[in-house]
């Protein structure tokens, strides 16, 4: 029954109405169950504070850049003329199972982020394309809704399983860019 009490405190939406009623009745009749419930409420309140402090990017860990969604399916270029359209390519070896979702441009136009969904492997693929190709800056993505950070690899690519998003729509999850 301890796990039901913990579910009642932390994840009440996972319990059925009957299970919630059962836990509420137990809390009214058992002092030990009520003590456990109160302890869990205090524990998770503190846990959430510590988790947020330890996972959120700190100011000295790099600058956080706001990412603005942009429509980048194609655009004109002055070099090739107004009638010539092209699409930016990301460093992706296998694009056949990936579908383009959207692009983001950092607030200072320093980095373009392209987002693809690989349905075959059920992963999201993020590509960082810096304005200066030979930059030594290391990039990470911070997901505020999840309080999780993922670092880009050597090819400025991140592959994230859809399970990582823990119930949040992976295609609309809010992201911020951290530059180190």
C-alpha atoms as a PDB file:
ATOM      1  CA  UNK A   1       0.000   0.000   0.000  1.00  0.00           C
ATOM      2  CA  UNK A   2       3.036   2.304   0.463  1.00  0.00           C
ATOM      3  CA  UNK A   3       3.469   2.532  -3.298  1.00  0.00           C
ATOM      4  CA  UNK A   4      -0.203   3.495  -3.705  1.00  0.00           C
ATOM      5  CA  UNK A   5       0.270   6.306  -1.176  1.00  0.00           C
ATOM      6  CA  UNK A   6       3.353   7.488  -3.060  1.00  0.00           C
ATOM      7  CA  UNK A   7       1.435   7.386  -6.341  1.00  0.00           C
ATOM      8  CA  UNK A   8      -1.393   9.324  -4.676  1.00  0.00           C
ATOM      9  CA  UNK A   9       1.092  12.029  -3.620  1.00  0.00           C
ATOM     10  CA  UNK A  10       3.340  12.200  -6.667  1.00  0.00           C
ATOM     11  CA  UNK A  11       1.334  10.883  -9.619  1.00  0.00           C
ATOM     12  CA  UNK A  12      -2.367  10.984  -8.691  1.00  0.00           C
ATOM     13  CA  UNK A  13      -3.389  10.937 -12.356  1.00  0.00           C
ATOM     14  CA  UNK A  14      -2.070   7.363 -12.621  1.00  0.00           C
ATOM     15  CA  UNK A  15      -4.582   6.054 -10.076  1.00  0.00           C
ATOM     16  CA  UNK A  16      -8.140   5.082 -10.874  1.00  0.00           C
ATOM     17  CA  UNK A  17     -11.011   6.691  -8.948  1.00  0.00           C
ATOM     18  CA  UNK A  18     -11.406   3.522  -6.881  1.00  0.00           C
ATOM     19  CA  UNK A  19      -7.688   3.460  -6.026  1.00  0.00           C
ATOM     20  CA  UNK A  20      -7.784   7.132  -4.981  1.00  0.00           C
ATOM     21  CA  UNK A  21     -10.808   6.477  -2.784  1.00  0.00           C
ATOM     22  CA  UNK A  22      -9.059   3.476  -1.220  1.00  0.00           C
ATOM     23  CA  UNK A  23      -5.980   5.581  -0.368  1.00  0.00           C
ATOM     24  CA  UNK A  24      -8.120   8.446   1.006  1.00  0.00           C
ATOM     25  CA  UNK A  25     -10.003   6.039   3.275  1.00  0.00           C
ATOM     26  CA  UNK A  26      -6.712   4.570   4.505  1.00  0.00           C
ATOM     27  CA  UNK A  27      -5.366   8.057   5.231  1.00  0.00           C
ATOM     28  CA  UNK A  28      -8.450   8.798   7.368  1.00  0.00           C
ATOM     29  CA  UNK A  29      -8.118   5.592   9.377  1.00  0.00           C
ATOM     30  CA  UNK A  30      -4.362   5.046   9.689  1.00  0.00           C
ATOM     31  CA  UNK A  31      -2.027   7.452  11.463  1.00  0.00           C
ATOM     32  CA  UNK A  32       1.020   5.687   9.978  1.00  0.00           C
ATOM     33  CA  UNK A  33      -0.355   6.083   6.444  1.00  0.00           C
ATOM     34  CA  UNK A  34      -1.025   9.785   7.083  1.00  0.00           C
ATOM     35  CA  UNK A  35       2.514  10.268   8.417  1.00  0.00           C
ATOM     36  CA  UNK A  36       3.925   8.562   5.314  1.00  0.00           C
ATOM     37  CA  UNK A  37       1.793  10.760   3.041  1.00  0.00           C
ATOM     38  CA  UNK A  38       2.929  13.955   4.813  1.00  0.00           C
ATOM     39  CA  UNK A  39       6.568  12.847   4.690  1.00  0.00           C
ATOM     40  CA  UNK A  40       6.283  12.103   0.948  1.00  0.00           C
ATOM     41  CA  UNK A  41       4.728  15.523   0.281  1.00  0.00           C
ATOM     42  CA  UNK A  42       7.670  17.225   2.053  1.00  0.00           C
ATOM     43  CA  UNK A  43      10.221  14.912   0.407  1.00  0.00           C
ATOM     44  CA  UNK A  44       8.986  15.550  -3.138  1.00  0.00           C
ATOM     45  CA  UNK A  45       8.744  19.298  -2.553  1.00  0.00           C
ATOM     46  CA  UNK A  46      12.418  19.316  -1.528  1.00  0.00           C
ATOM     47  CA  UNK A  47      13.350  16.847  -4.263  1.00  0.00           C
ATOM     48  CA  UNK A  48      11.855  19.107  -6.933  1.00  0.00           C
ATOM     49  CA  UNK A  49      13.848  22.087  -5.658  1.00  0.00           C
ATOM     50  CA  UNK A  50      17.138  20.156  -5.565  1.00  0.00           C
ATOM     51  CA  UNK A  51      16.490  18.556  -8.959  1.00  0.00           C
ATOM     52  CA  UNK A  52      15.815  21.942 -10.566  1.00  0.00           C
ATOM     53  CA  UNK A  53      18.927  23.496  -9.027  1.00  0.00           C
ATOM     54  CA  UNK A  54      21.226  20.648 -10.055  1.00  0.00           C
ATOM     55  CA  UNK A  55      19.987  20.104 -13.606  1.00  0.00           C
ATOM     56  CA  UNK A  56      19.119  23.580 -14.843  1.00  0.00           C
ATOM     57  CA  UNK A  57      21.979  25.346 -16.621  1.00  0.00           C
ATOM     58  CA  UNK A  58      23.938  27.683 -14.391  1.00  0.00           C
ATOM     59  CA  UNK A  59      25.063  31.093 -15.573  1.00  0.00           C
ATOM     60  CA  UNK A  60      28.756  30.145 -15.487  1.00  0.00           C
ATOM     61  CA  UNK A  61      28.177  26.981 -17.547  1.00  0.00           C
ATOM     62  CA  UNK A  62      27.761  29.001 -20.735  1.00  0.00           C
ATOM     63  CA  UNK A  63      25.389  31.437 -22.295  1.00  0.00           C
ATOM     64  CA  UNK A  64      21.795  30.429 -22.886  1.00  0.00           C
ATOM     65  CA  UNK A  65      20.413  31.577 -26.226  1.00  0.00           C
ATOM     66  CA  UNK A  66      16.742  31.807 -27.021  1.00  0.00           C
ATOM     67  CA  UNK A  67      15.777  29.782 -30.088  1.00  0.00           C
ATOM     68  CA  UNK A  68      13.194  31.239 -32.438  1.00  0.00           C
ATOM     69  CA  UNK A  69      11.278  28.904 -34.773  1.00  0.00           C
ATOM     70  CA  UNK A  70      11.737  29.809 -38.430  1.00  0.00           C
ATOM     71  CA  UNK A  71      10.365  28.534 -41.727  1.00  0.00           C
ATOM     72  CA  UNK A  72      13.379  27.223 -43.596  1.00  0.00           C
ATOM     73  CA  UNK A  73      11.988  24.738 -46.063  1.00  0.00           C
ATOM     74  CA  UNK A  74      13.526  26.782 -48.856  1.00  0.00           C
ATOM     75  CA  UNK A  75      14.633  30.321 -49.549  1.00  0.00           C
ATOM     76  CA  UNK A  76      16.193  32.464 -52.240  1.00  0.00           C
ATOM     77  CA  UNK A  77      19.834  33.407 -52.338  1.00  0.00           C
ATOM     78  CA  UNK A  78      21.404  36.496 -53.919  1.00  0.00           C
ATOM     79  CA  UNK A  79      24.320  34.396 -55.214  1.00  0.00           C
ATOM     80  CA  UNK A  80      22.130  32.139 -57.337  1.00  0.00           C
ATOM     81  CA  UNK A  81      19.433  34.707 -58.077  1.00  0.00           C
ATOM     82  CA  UNK A  82      15.921  35.214 -56.826  1.00  0.00           C
ATOM     83  CA  UNK A  83      14.499  32.342 -58.829  1.00  0.00           C
ATOM     84  CA  UNK A  84      16.883  29.714 -57.483  1.00  0.00           C
ATOM     85  CA  UNK A  85      15.596  27.867 -54.415  1.00  0.00           C
ATOM     86  CA  UNK A  86      17.599  25.530 -52.245  1.00  0.00           C
ATOM     87  CA  UNK A  87      17.247  23.774 -48.916  1.00  0.00           C
ATOM     88  CA  UNK A  88      19.895  23.671 -46.226  1.00  0.00           C
ATOM     89  CA  UNK A  89      21.233  20.191 -45.596  1.00  0.00           C
ATOM     90  CA  UNK A  90      22.166  18.838 -42.181  1.00  0.00           C
ATOM     91  CA  UNK A  91      25.021  16.428 -41.483  1.00  0.00           C
ATOM     92  CA  UNK A  92      22.793  13.385 -41.705  1.00  0.00           C
ATOM     93  CA  UNK A  93      24.105  10.238 -43.394  1.00  0.00           C
ATOM     94  CA  UNK A  94      20.725   8.509 -43.546  1.00  0.00           C
ATOM     95  CA  UNK A  95      17.872  10.856 -44.361  1.00  0.00           C
ATOM     96  CA  UNK A  96      15.544   8.274 -45.883  1.00  0.00           C
ATOM     97  CA  UNK A  97      13.778   7.412 -42.611  1.00  0.00           C
ATOM     98  CA  UNK A  98      13.965  10.943 -41.181  1.00  0.00           C
ATOM     99  CA  UNK A  99      11.398  13.615 -41.834  1.00  0.00           C
ATOM    100  CA  UNK A 100      12.102  17.308 -41.387  1.00  0.00           C
ATOM    101  CA  UNK A 101      10.049  18.951 -38.633  1.00  0.00           C
ATOM    102  CA  UNK A 102      11.310  22.487 -38.082  1.00  0.00           C
ATOM    103  CA  UNK A 103      14.239  24.845 -37.727  1.00  0.00           C
ATOM    104  CA  UNK A 104      15.274  27.290 -35.040  1.00  0.00           C
ATOM    105  CA  UNK A 105      17.629  30.252 -35.247  1.00  0.00           C
ATOM    106  CA  UNK A 106      19.404  31.480 -32.112  1.00  0.00           C
ATOM    107  CA  UNK A 107      18.644  35.020 -30.986  1.00  0.00           C
ATOM    108  CA  UNK A 108      22.051  36.297 -32.150  1.00  0.00           C
ATOM    109  CA  UNK A 109      21.927  34.354 -35.458  1.00  0.00           C
ATOM    110  CA  UNK A 110      24.925  32.334 -34.226  1.00  0.00           C
ATOM    111  CA  UNK A 111      23.446  28.860 -34.665  1.00  0.00           C
ATOM    112  CA  UNK A 112      20.762  27.189 -36.755  1.00  0.00           C
ATOM    113  CA  UNK A 113      19.121  24.095 -35.238  1.00  0.00           C
ATOM    114  CA  UNK A 114      17.416  21.664 -37.618  1.00  0.00           C
ATOM    115  CA  UNK A 115      15.012  19.089 -36.144  1.00  0.00           C
ATOM    116  CA  UNK A 116      14.118  15.786 -37.782  1.00  0.00           C
ATOM    117  CA  UNK A 117      12.042  12.833 -36.607  1.00  0.00           C
ATOM    118  CA  UNK A 118      13.315   9.369 -37.407  1.00  0.00           C
ATOM    119  CA  UNK A 119      10.134   7.284 -37.224  1.00  0.00           C
ATOM    120  CA  UNK A 120      11.912   4.005 -37.893  1.00  0.00           C
ATOM    121  CA  UNK A 121      14.073   4.327 -34.771  1.00  0.00           C
ATOM    122  CA  UNK A 122      11.578   6.498 -32.837  1.00  0.00           C
ATOM    123  CA  UNK A 123      14.163   9.219 -32.182  1.00  0.00           C
ATOM    124  CA  UNK A 124      14.372  12.973 -32.595  1.00  0.00           C
ATOM    125  CA  UNK A 125      17.497  14.225 -34.369  1.00  0.00           C
ATOM    126  CA  UNK A 126      18.829  17.721 -33.688  1.00  0.00           C
ATOM    127  CA  UNK A 127      21.586  19.260 -35.788  1.00  0.00           C
ATOM    128  CA  UNK A 128      23.478  22.423 -34.810  1.00  0.00           C
ATOM    129  CA  UNK A 129      24.796  24.387 -37.770  1.00  0.00           C
ATOM    130  CA  UNK A 130      26.998  27.257 -36.497  1.00  0.00           C
ATOM    131  CA  UNK A 131      27.410  30.496 -38.427  1.00  0.00           C
ATOM    132  CA  UNK A 132      31.191  30.041 -38.178  1.00  0.00           C
ATOM    133  CA  UNK A 133      31.899  26.454 -39.340  1.00  0.00           C
ATOM    134  CA  UNK A 134      35.234  26.108 -37.512  1.00  0.00           C
ATOM    135  CA  UNK A 135      33.986  27.376 -34.166  1.00  0.00           C
ATOM    136  CA  UNK A 136      35.267  25.631 -31.025  1.00  0.00           C
ATOM    137  CA  UNK A 137      32.031  26.376 -29.173  1.00  0.00           C
ATOM    138  CA  UNK A 138      30.311  23.352 -27.665  1.00  0.00           C
ATOM    139  CA  UNK A 139      26.516  23.314 -27.806  1.00  0.00           C
ATOM    140  CA  UNK A 140      23.895  21.701 -25.605  1.00  0.00           C
ATOM    141  CA  UNK A 141      20.122  21.724 -25.688  1.00  0.00           C
ATOM    142  CA  UNK A 142      18.206  22.435 -22.507  1.00  0.00           C
ATOM    143  CA  UNK A 143      14.589  21.263 -22.254  1.00  0.00           C
ATOM    144  CA  UNK A 144      12.967  23.510 -19.585  1.00  0.00           C
ATOM    145  CA  UNK A 145       9.771  21.442 -19.345  1.00  0.00           C
ATOM    146  CA  UNK A 146      11.821  18.359 -18.499  1.00  0.00           C
ATOM    147  CA  UNK A 147      14.701  20.093 -16.674  1.00  0.00           C
ATOM    148  CA  UNK A 148      17.110  18.000 -18.768  1.00  0.00           C
ATOM    149  CA  UNK A 149      20.176  18.934 -20.794  1.00  0.00           C
ATOM    150  CA  UNK A 150      21.656  17.013 -23.736  1.00  0.00           C
ATOM    151  CA  UNK A 151      25.071  17.798 -25.241  1.00  0.00           C
ATOM    152  CA  UNK A 152      25.738  17.750 -28.960  1.00  0.00           C
ATOM    153  CA  UNK A 153      28.305  15.237 -30.132  1.00  0.00           C
ATOM    154  CA  UNK A 154      31.354  15.774 -32.319  1.00  0.00           C
ATOM    155  CA  UNK A 155      29.246  16.179 -35.470  1.00  0.00           C
ATOM    156  CA  UNK A 156      26.938  18.680 -33.752  1.00  0.00           C
ATOM    157  CA  UNK A 157      24.222  16.049 -33.734  1.00  0.00           C
ATOM    158  CA  UNK A 158      21.972  14.802 -30.929  1.00  0.00           C
ATOM    159  CA  UNK A 159      19.788  11.717 -31.249  1.00  0.00           C
ATOM    160  CA  UNK A 160      17.166  11.560 -28.508  1.00  0.00           C
ATOM    161  CA  UNK A 161      14.725   8.714 -27.982  1.00  0.00           C
ATOM    162  CA  UNK A 162      11.096   9.804 -27.932  1.00  0.00           C
ATOM    163  CA  UNK A 163      10.871   8.146 -24.473  1.00  0.00           C
ATOM    164  CA  UNK A 164      13.242  10.879 -23.159  1.00  0.00           C
ATOM    165  CA  UNK A 165      10.395  13.391 -23.440  1.00  0.00           C
ATOM    166  CA  UNK A 166       8.428  11.635 -20.693  1.00  0.00           C
ATOM    167  CA  UNK A 167       4.929  12.314 -22.002  1.00  0.00           C
ATOM    168  CA  UNK A 168       5.656  15.749 -23.478  1.00  0.00           C
ATOM    169  CA  UNK A 169       5.119  15.967 -27.238  1.00  0.00           C
ATOM    170  CA  UNK A 170       8.641  15.554 -28.604  1.00  0.00           C
ATOM    171  CA  UNK A 171       7.794  17.600 -31.685  1.00  0.00           C
ATOM    172  CA  UNK A 172       6.686  20.666 -29.712  1.00  0.00           C
ATOM    173  CA  UNK A 173       8.955  20.439 -26.653  1.00  0.00           C
ATOM    174  CA  UNK A 174      10.449  23.795 -25.695  1.00  0.00           C
ATOM    175  CA  UNK A 175      14.231  23.992 -26.138  1.00  0.00           C
ATOM    176  CA  UNK A 176      16.992  26.456 -25.335  1.00  0.00           C
ATOM    177  CA  UNK A 177      20.551  26.457 -26.672  1.00  0.00           C
ATOM    178  CA  UNK A 178      23.545  26.555 -24.310  1.00  0.00           C
ATOM    179  CA  UNK A 179      26.897  27.662 -25.767  1.00  0.00           C
ATOM    180  CA  UNK A 180      30.153  26.897 -23.927  1.00  0.00           C
END
